[in-house]
Amino acid sequence: MTIPKNKRIRKITIDKIQYYWTIKYDEDYGTILCNIGLVEAPNFRFSFYRGANNSHIKWIDNGVEERDQLEAVTPKLVSEAIKYANENLDWKNKEFSLIASNSNGFSLID
């Protein structure tokens, strides 16, 4: 099964393995969700999210006493997420896997 050609689907190659990734902004929760999967097996995928807020400003409150700088989801960030997932998740299955992303890096969600 191949990935259909779509402007919203991007591809990236890490360690000679081709992945696809998409971005979705959730206005209700103020998060940016990035879905990543294998091109050769599209059902093998995981997601990570980044916080945002409704005003779309550069800084977001993280609910404690600090503020995180909102960064764009770039190919470099997607590459780091894939490397983190390959080391810390068994995401190459049909189960949904989710990791969090913030200014400190990635973390597993229990």
N, C-alpha and C. Protein backbone atom coordinates (compact mmCIF):
# COMPACT_ATOMS: atom_id res chain seq x y z
N MET A 1 0.84 -1.17 0.00
CA MET A 1 0.00 0.00 0.00
C MET A 1 0.89 1.24 0.00
N THR A 2 0.59 2.19 -0.83
CA THR A 2 1.39 3.40 -0.89
C THR A 2 0.60 4.59 -0.37
N ILE A 3 1.31 5.62 -0.01
CA ILE A 3 0.69 6.84 0.48
C ILE A 3 0.20 7.65 -0.73
N PRO A 4 -1.04 8.12 -0.72
CA PRO A 4 -1.50 8.93 -1.85
C PRO A 4 -0.77 10.26 -1.91
N LYS A 5 -0.64 10.80 -3.11
CA LYS A 5 0.01 12.10 -3.27
C LYS A 5 -0.94 13.17 -2.74
N ASN A 6 -0.47 13.90 -1.77
CA ASN A 6 -1.29 14.90 -1.12
C ASN A 6 -0.38 15.99 -0.60
N LYS A 7 -0.76 17.23 -0.76
CA LYS A 7 0.08 18.33 -0.30
C LYS A 7 0.22 18.35 1.21
N ARG A 8 -0.72 17.76 1.92
CA ARG A 8 -0.66 17.76 3.38
C ARG A 8 0.22 16.66 3.93
N ILE A 9 0.60 15.70 3.11
CA ILE A 9 1.45 14.60 3.56
C ILE A 9 2.88 14.89 3.10
N ARG A 10 3.79 14.91 4.06
CA ARG A 10 5.19 15.16 3.76
C ARG A 10 5.97 13.87 3.99
N LYS A 11 7.10 13.74 3.32
CA LYS A 11 7.94 12.55 3.49
C LYS A 11 9.30 12.97 4.01
N ILE A 12 9.91 12.06 4.78
CA ILE A 12 11.24 12.27 5.32
C ILE A 12 11.94 10.92 5.39
N THR A 13 13.24 10.90 5.12
CA THR A 13 14.02 9.66 5.17
C THR A 13 15.02 9.75 6.31
N ILE A 14 14.97 8.76 7.20
CA ILE A 14 15.87 8.67 8.35
C ILE A 14 16.50 7.28 8.31
N ASP A 15 17.83 7.21 8.31
CA ASP A 15 18.54 5.93 8.29
C ASP A 15 18.03 5.01 7.18
N LYS A 16 17.84 5.58 5.99
CA LYS A 16 17.41 4.86 4.79
C LYS A 16 16.00 4.27 4.88
N ILE A 17 15.20 4.73 5.85
CA ILE A 17 13.81 4.31 5.97
C ILE A 17 12.95 5.54 5.69
N GLN A 18 11.95 5.37 4.82
CA GLN A 18 11.11 6.50 4.46
C GLN A 18 9.87 6.55 5.35
N TYR A 19 9.61 7.74 5.90
CA TYR A 19 8.46 7.99 6.76
C TYR A 19 7.60 9.07 6.12
N TYR A 20 6.32 9.14 6.54
CA TYR A 20 5.47 10.25 6.16
C TYR A 20 5.04 10.97 7.43
N TRP A 21 4.67 12.24 7.30
CA TRP A 21 4.17 12.98 8.46
C TRP A 21 3.16 14.01 8.04
N THR A 22 2.19 14.23 8.91
CA THR A 22 1.14 15.22 8.69
C THR A 22 1.00 16.07 9.94
N ILE A 23 0.43 17.24 9.79
CA ILE A 23 0.22 18.14 10.92
C ILE A 23 -1.25 18.53 10.98
N LYS A 24 -1.78 18.55 12.20
CA LYS A 24 -3.16 18.96 12.40
C LYS A 24 -3.21 19.88 13.62
N TYR A 25 -3.86 21.02 13.46
CA TYR A 25 -4.02 21.95 14.58
C TYR A 25 -5.39 21.74 15.19
N ASP A 26 -5.42 21.48 16.49
CA ASP A 26 -6.67 21.27 17.21
C ASP A 26 -7.03 22.56 17.94
N GLU A 27 -8.01 23.28 17.41
CA GLU A 27 -8.40 24.56 17.99
C GLU A 27 -9.05 24.40 19.35
N ASP A 28 -9.74 23.29 19.59
CA ASP A 28 -10.43 23.08 20.87
C ASP A 28 -9.44 22.97 22.03
N TYR A 29 -8.36 22.23 21.83
CA TYR A 29 -7.38 22.01 22.89
C TYR A 29 -6.13 22.87 22.75
N GLY A 30 -5.99 23.59 21.66
CA GLY A 30 -4.83 24.44 21.46
C GLY A 30 -3.55 23.67 21.29
N THR A 31 -3.60 22.54 20.60
CA THR A 31 -2.40 21.73 20.39
C THR A 31 -2.17 21.51 18.90
N ILE A 32 -0.93 21.24 18.58
CA ILE A 32 -0.54 20.88 17.22
C ILE A 32 -0.16 19.41 17.27
N LEU A 33 -0.86 18.57 16.51
CA LEU A 33 -0.64 17.13 16.49
C LEU A 33 0.09 16.76 15.21
N CYS A 34 1.19 16.02 15.35
CA CYS A 34 1.95 15.54 14.21
C CYS A 34 1.88 14.02 14.19
N ASN A 35 1.35 13.45 13.11
CA ASN A 35 1.26 12.00 12.94
C ASN A 35 2.41 11.56 12.04
N ILE A 36 3.10 10.51 12.45
CA ILE A 36 4.25 10.00 11.71
C ILE A 36 4.06 8.51 11.49
N GLY A 37 4.35 8.03 10.28
CA GLY A 37 4.21 6.61 9.98
C GLY A 37 5.22 6.16 8.94
N LEU A 38 5.25 4.86 8.73
CA LEU A 38 6.11 4.27 7.70
C LEU A 38 5.43 4.34 6.35
N VAL A 39 6.15 4.76 5.32
CA VAL A 39 5.59 4.81 3.98
C VAL A 39 5.24 3.41 3.51
N GLU A 40 6.09 2.44 3.79
CA GLU A 40 5.86 1.06 3.34
C GLU A 40 4.73 0.36 4.11
N ALA A 41 4.44 0.82 5.31
CA ALA A 41 3.38 0.23 6.13
C ALA A 41 2.65 1.36 6.86
N PRO A 42 1.73 2.05 6.18
CA PRO A 42 1.09 3.24 6.73
C PRO A 42 0.35 3.04 8.05
N ASN A 43 -0.03 1.81 8.37
CA ASN A 43 -0.72 1.56 9.64
C ASN A 43 0.23 1.56 10.83
N PHE A 44 1.53 1.52 10.59
CA PHE A 44 2.52 1.59 11.67
C PHE A 44 2.84 3.06 11.88
N ARG A 45 2.30 3.64 12.96
CA ARG A 45 2.46 5.08 13.15
C ARG A 45 2.43 5.45 14.63
N PHE A 46 2.88 6.68 14.88
CA PHE A 46 2.78 7.26 16.21
C PHE A 46 2.54 8.75 16.04
N SER A 47 2.25 9.44 17.12
CA SER A 47 1.97 10.87 17.08
C SER A 47 2.70 11.57 18.20
N PHE A 48 2.98 12.84 17.99
CA PHE A 48 3.43 13.69 19.08
C PHE A 48 2.69 15.01 18.98
N TYR A 49 2.59 15.69 20.10
CA TYR A 49 1.89 16.96 20.09
C TYR A 49 2.72 18.04 20.76
N ARG A 50 2.42 19.26 20.37
CA ARG A 50 3.03 20.44 20.97
C ARG A 50 1.90 21.36 21.40
N GLY A 51 2.09 22.09 22.47
CA GLY A 51 1.06 22.99 22.96
C GLY A 51 1.02 24.27 22.16
N ALA A 52 -0.13 24.86 22.13
CA ALA A 52 -0.34 26.18 21.51
C ALA A 52 -1.48 26.83 22.26
N ASN A 53 -1.78 28.06 21.96
CA ASN A 53 -2.95 28.67 22.57
C ASN A 53 -3.75 29.40 21.51
N ASN A 54 -4.93 29.85 21.86
CA ASN A 54 -5.84 30.41 20.88
C ASN A 54 -5.37 31.73 20.27
N SER A 55 -4.46 32.42 20.94
CA SER A 55 -4.02 33.70 20.41
C SER A 55 -2.89 33.56 19.38
N HIS A 56 -2.35 32.36 19.23
CA HIS A 56 -1.30 32.08 18.25
C HIS A 56 -0.06 32.95 18.47
N ILE A 57 0.25 33.25 19.71
CA ILE A 57 1.43 34.04 19.99
C ILE A 57 2.63 33.14 20.20
N LYS A 58 3.79 33.74 20.27
CA LYS A 58 5.03 32.98 20.33
C LYS A 58 5.20 32.22 21.65
N TRP A 59 4.66 32.75 22.75
CA TRP A 59 4.82 32.11 24.05
C TRP A 59 3.53 31.45 24.50
N ILE A 60 3.64 30.30 25.16
CA ILE A 60 2.46 29.66 25.73
C ILE A 60 2.72 29.38 27.20
N ASP A 61 1.68 29.43 28.00
CA ASP A 61 1.79 29.07 29.41
C ASP A 61 1.68 27.56 29.53
N ASN A 62 2.52 26.97 30.36
CA ASN A 62 2.48 25.52 30.50
C ASN A 62 1.71 25.07 31.73
N GLY A 63 0.99 25.98 32.38
CA GLY A 63 0.16 25.60 33.50
C GLY A 63 0.88 25.61 34.83
N VAL A 64 2.18 25.86 34.83
CA VAL A 64 2.91 25.94 36.10
C VAL A 64 3.24 27.42 36.28
N GLU A 65 4.49 27.74 36.49
CA GLU A 65 4.88 29.15 36.62
C GLU A 65 5.81 29.58 35.50
N GLU A 66 5.96 28.74 34.50
CA GLU A 66 6.88 29.03 33.42
C GLU A 66 6.11 29.18 32.13
N ARG A 67 6.81 29.64 31.13
CA ARG A 67 6.22 29.71 29.80
C ARG A 67 7.15 28.98 28.84
N ASP A 68 6.56 28.25 27.90
CA ASP A 68 7.33 27.55 26.87
C ASP A 68 7.26 28.35 25.59
N GLN A 69 8.34 28.36 24.87
CA GLN A 69 8.33 29.01 23.56
C GLN A 69 7.78 28.02 22.54
N LEU A 70 6.76 28.43 21.84
CA LEU A 70 6.14 27.57 20.84
C LEU A 70 7.03 27.53 19.60
N GLU A 71 7.42 26.35 19.19
CA GLU A 71 8.25 26.20 18.01
C GLU A 71 7.43 25.52 16.91
N ALA A 72 7.77 25.81 15.70
CA ALA A 72 7.10 25.20 14.55
C ALA A 72 7.47 23.72 14.48
N VAL A 73 6.61 22.94 13.86
CA VAL A 73 6.92 21.54 13.59
C VAL A 73 7.69 21.53 12.28
N THR A 74 8.99 21.29 12.38
CA THR A 74 9.89 21.32 11.23
C THR A 74 10.39 19.91 10.92
N PRO A 75 10.98 19.70 9.75
CA PRO A 75 11.56 18.39 9.46
C PRO A 75 12.61 17.97 10.51
N LYS A 76 13.36 18.92 11.05
CA LYS A 76 14.34 18.58 12.08
C LYS A 76 13.64 18.04 13.33
N LEU A 77 12.55 18.66 13.74
CA LEU A 77 11.79 18.19 14.90
C LEU A 77 11.18 16.82 14.63
N VAL A 78 10.67 16.62 13.43
CA VAL A 78 10.10 15.32 13.06
C VAL A 78 11.19 14.25 13.10
N SER A 79 12.38 14.58 12.60
CA SER A 79 13.51 13.66 12.63
C SER A 79 13.86 13.28 14.07
N GLU A 80 13.90 14.27 14.96
CA GLU A 80 14.19 13.99 16.37
C GLU A 80 13.11 13.13 17.00
N ALA A 81 11.84 13.37 16.64
CA ALA A 81 10.74 12.56 17.16
C ALA A 81 10.85 11.11 16.70
N ILE A 82 11.21 10.91 15.45
CA ILE A 82 11.36 9.55 14.93
C ILE A 82 12.49 8.83 15.65
N LYS A 83 13.62 9.51 15.84
CA LYS A 83 14.75 8.89 16.54
C LYS A 83 14.38 8.57 17.99
N TYR A 84 13.65 9.48 18.65
CA TYR A 84 13.21 9.24 20.03
C TYR A 84 12.26 8.04 20.07
N ALA A 85 11.30 7.99 19.15
CA ALA A 85 10.34 6.89 19.11
C ALA A 85 11.02 5.56 18.82
N ASN A 86 11.99 5.56 17.92
CA ASN A 86 12.70 4.32 17.62
C ASN A 86 13.47 3.78 18.83
N GLU A 87 13.94 4.69 19.69
CA GLU A 87 14.68 4.27 20.89
C GLU A 87 13.78 3.94 22.07
N ASN A 88 12.60 4.56 22.17
CA ASN A 88 11.80 4.46 23.38
C ASN A 88 10.42 3.83 23.22
N LEU A 89 9.96 3.62 22.01
CA LEU A 89 8.63 3.05 21.79
C LEU A 89 8.69 1.82 20.91
N ASP A 90 7.73 0.94 21.11
CA ASP A 90 7.49 -0.13 20.15
C ASP A 90 6.30 0.34 19.31
N TRP A 91 6.53 1.37 18.51
CA TRP A 91 5.44 1.99 17.77
C TRP A 91 5.16 1.34 16.43
N LYS A 92 6.01 0.42 16.01
CA LYS A 92 5.81 -0.21 14.71
C LYS A 92 4.81 -1.36 14.84
N ASN A 93 3.61 -1.02 15.28
CA ASN A 93 2.51 -1.96 15.39
C ASN A 93 1.24 -1.21 15.04
N LYS A 94 0.11 -1.80 15.24
CA LYS A 94 -1.14 -1.13 14.89
C LYS A 94 -1.78 -0.43 16.09
N GLU A 95 -1.08 -0.39 17.20
CA GLU A 95 -1.56 0.32 18.38
C GLU A 95 -1.21 1.80 18.25
N PHE A 96 -2.05 2.66 18.81
CA PHE A 96 -1.80 4.09 18.78
C PHE A 96 -0.76 4.44 19.84
N SER A 97 0.30 5.12 19.46
CA SER A 97 1.34 5.55 20.39
C SER A 97 1.43 7.07 20.33
N LEU A 98 1.62 7.70 21.51
CA LEU A 98 1.66 9.15 21.58
C LEU A 98 2.79 9.58 22.50
N ILE A 99 3.56 10.57 22.05
CA ILE A 99 4.61 11.15 22.89
C ILE A 99 4.37 12.66 22.96
N ALA A 100 4.88 13.29 24.02
CA ALA A 100 4.73 14.73 24.19
C ALA A 100 6.02 15.42 23.80
N SER A 101 5.88 16.64 23.31
CA SER A 101 7.03 17.44 22.91
C SER A 101 6.90 18.82 23.54
N ASN A 102 8.00 19.27 24.14
CA ASN A 102 8.04 20.64 24.67
C ASN A 102 9.45 21.17 24.50
N SER A 103 9.74 22.29 25.14
CA SER A 103 11.07 22.91 24.97
C SER A 103 12.19 22.05 25.55
N ASN A 104 11.86 21.07 26.40
CA ASN A 104 12.87 20.19 26.98
C ASN A 104 13.09 18.92 26.15
N GLY A 105 12.34 18.71 25.11
CA GLY A 105 12.48 17.52 24.29
C GLY A 105 11.20 16.70 24.27
N PHE A 106 11.35 15.39 24.20
CA PHE A 106 10.20 14.48 24.10
C PHE A 106 10.07 13.69 25.39
N SER A 107 8.84 13.23 25.65
CA SER A 107 8.61 12.38 26.82
C SER A 107 7.47 11.41 26.51
N LEU A 108 7.53 10.25 27.16
CA LEU A 108 6.48 9.25 26.99
C LEU A 108 5.24 9.65 27.75
N ILE A 109 4.08 9.29 27.23
CA ILE A 109 2.82 9.55 27.89
C ILE A 109 2.30 8.22 28.41
N ASP A 110 2.01 8.17 29.70
CA ASP A 110 1.51 6.92 30.30
C ASP A 110 0.05 6.72 30.03
